[in-house]
Amino acid sequence: MPQSQFGDDVLWWRKNKYDPKEALSAIKCPVLSIFGEKDVLVPPAENQTKMENYLTKAGVDHKLITIKGCGHNMITQSK
């Protein structure tokens, strides 16, 4: 898993800039989204508000949570 937001191992993610707007705005089922506080692939600070807006637009029940100390793989990181 990538260890930093700007390392070589995360370049593919950054170059492709996938935006789930279309998919999330059209979703029809309830959503539970779990972010890892230290996720460098899908940083909560950059993505949580967008996801909230898209799911609200879709009109579905949803809950977004962030787990402290976890990365993208949901393994707690002590650093």
Protein backbone atom coordinates (compact mmCIF):
# COMPACT_ATOMS: atom_id res chain seq x y z
CA MET A 1 0.00 0.00 0.00
CA PRO A 2 1.24 3.52 -0.70
CA GLN A 3 2.96 5.12 2.25
CA SER A 4 2.64 8.79 1.30
CA GLN A 5 0.37 10.98 -0.78
CA PHE A 6 3.15 11.95 -3.20
CA GLY A 7 5.29 8.80 -3.54
CA ASP A 8 5.86 6.91 -6.78
CA ASP A 9 3.53 4.16 -5.57
CA VAL A 10 0.53 6.50 -5.66
CA LEU A 11 1.15 8.12 -9.06
CA TRP A 12 -1.36 5.92 -10.91
CA TRP A 13 -4.14 7.01 -8.57
CA ARG A 14 -3.26 10.69 -8.91
CA LYS A 15 -2.84 10.59 -12.72
CA ASN A 16 -6.23 8.96 -13.33
CA LYS A 17 -8.20 11.27 -11.01
CA TYR A 18 -11.29 9.06 -10.87
CA ASP A 19 -14.36 11.02 -9.81
CA PRO A 20 -17.27 8.82 -8.64
CA LYS A 21 -19.79 11.65 -9.08
CA GLU A 22 -21.86 9.93 -11.77
CA ALA A 23 -21.96 6.56 -10.00
CA LEU A 24 -22.67 7.94 -6.52
CA SER A 25 -25.29 10.43 -7.72
CA ALA A 26 -27.25 7.58 -9.31
CA ILE A 27 -26.98 5.02 -6.49
CA LYS A 28 -30.29 3.63 -5.17
CA CYS A 29 -29.33 1.73 -2.00
CA PRO A 30 -28.25 2.89 1.49
CA VAL A 31 -24.49 3.51 1.81
CA LEU A 32 -22.05 3.11 4.67
CA SER A 33 -18.71 4.61 3.72
CA ILE A 34 -15.69 4.04 5.92
CA PHE A 35 -12.62 6.23 5.50
CA GLY A 36 -9.22 5.64 7.06
CA GLU A 37 -7.87 8.80 8.67
CA LYS A 38 -4.39 8.21 7.22
CA ASP A 39 -5.50 6.98 3.78
CA VAL A 40 -3.22 8.41 1.08
CA LEU A 41 -5.25 6.98 -1.83
CA VAL A 42 -8.64 8.35 -0.78
CA PRO A 43 -7.85 11.05 1.80
CA PRO A 44 -10.95 11.85 3.88
CA ALA A 45 -10.21 15.60 3.88
CA GLU A 46 -10.44 15.65 0.06
CA ASN A 47 -13.23 13.14 -0.46
CA GLN A 48 -15.72 13.08 2.41
CA THR A 49 -17.54 16.30 1.48
CA LYS A 50 -17.77 15.30 -2.18
CA MET A 51 -19.19 11.90 -1.26
CA GLU A 52 -21.68 13.49 1.14
CA ASN A 53 -22.89 15.82 -1.62
CA TYR A 54 -23.20 13.06 -4.23
CA LEU A 55 -25.14 10.75 -1.90
CA THR A 56 -27.42 13.56 -0.76
CA LYS A 57 -28.15 14.33 -4.42
CA ALA A 58 -28.98 10.64 -4.95
CA GLY A 59 -31.48 10.88 -2.08
CA VAL A 60 -30.31 7.72 -0.30
CA ASP A 61 -29.72 7.08 3.38
CA HIS A 62 -26.01 7.23 4.05
CA LYS A 63 -23.45 7.45 6.80
CA LEU A 64 -19.80 8.39 6.41
CA ILE A 65 -17.32 7.62 9.16
CA THR A 66 -13.58 7.99 9.55
CA ILE A 67 -11.55 5.52 11.60
CA LYS A 68 -8.66 7.19 13.38
CA GLY A 69 -5.17 5.89 12.77
CA CYS A 70 -6.08 3.70 9.77
CA GLY A 71 -4.79 3.78 6.23
CA HIS A 72 -6.51 2.61 3.04
CA ASN A 73 -6.09 -1.01 4.09
CA MET A 74 -7.87 -0.33 7.42
CA ILE A 75 -4.88 -1.49 9.44
CA THR A 76 -4.28 0.79 12.40
CA GLN A 77 -1.06 2.74 12.06
CA SER A 78 0.56 3.98 15.24
CA LYS A 79 2.63 6.69 13.51
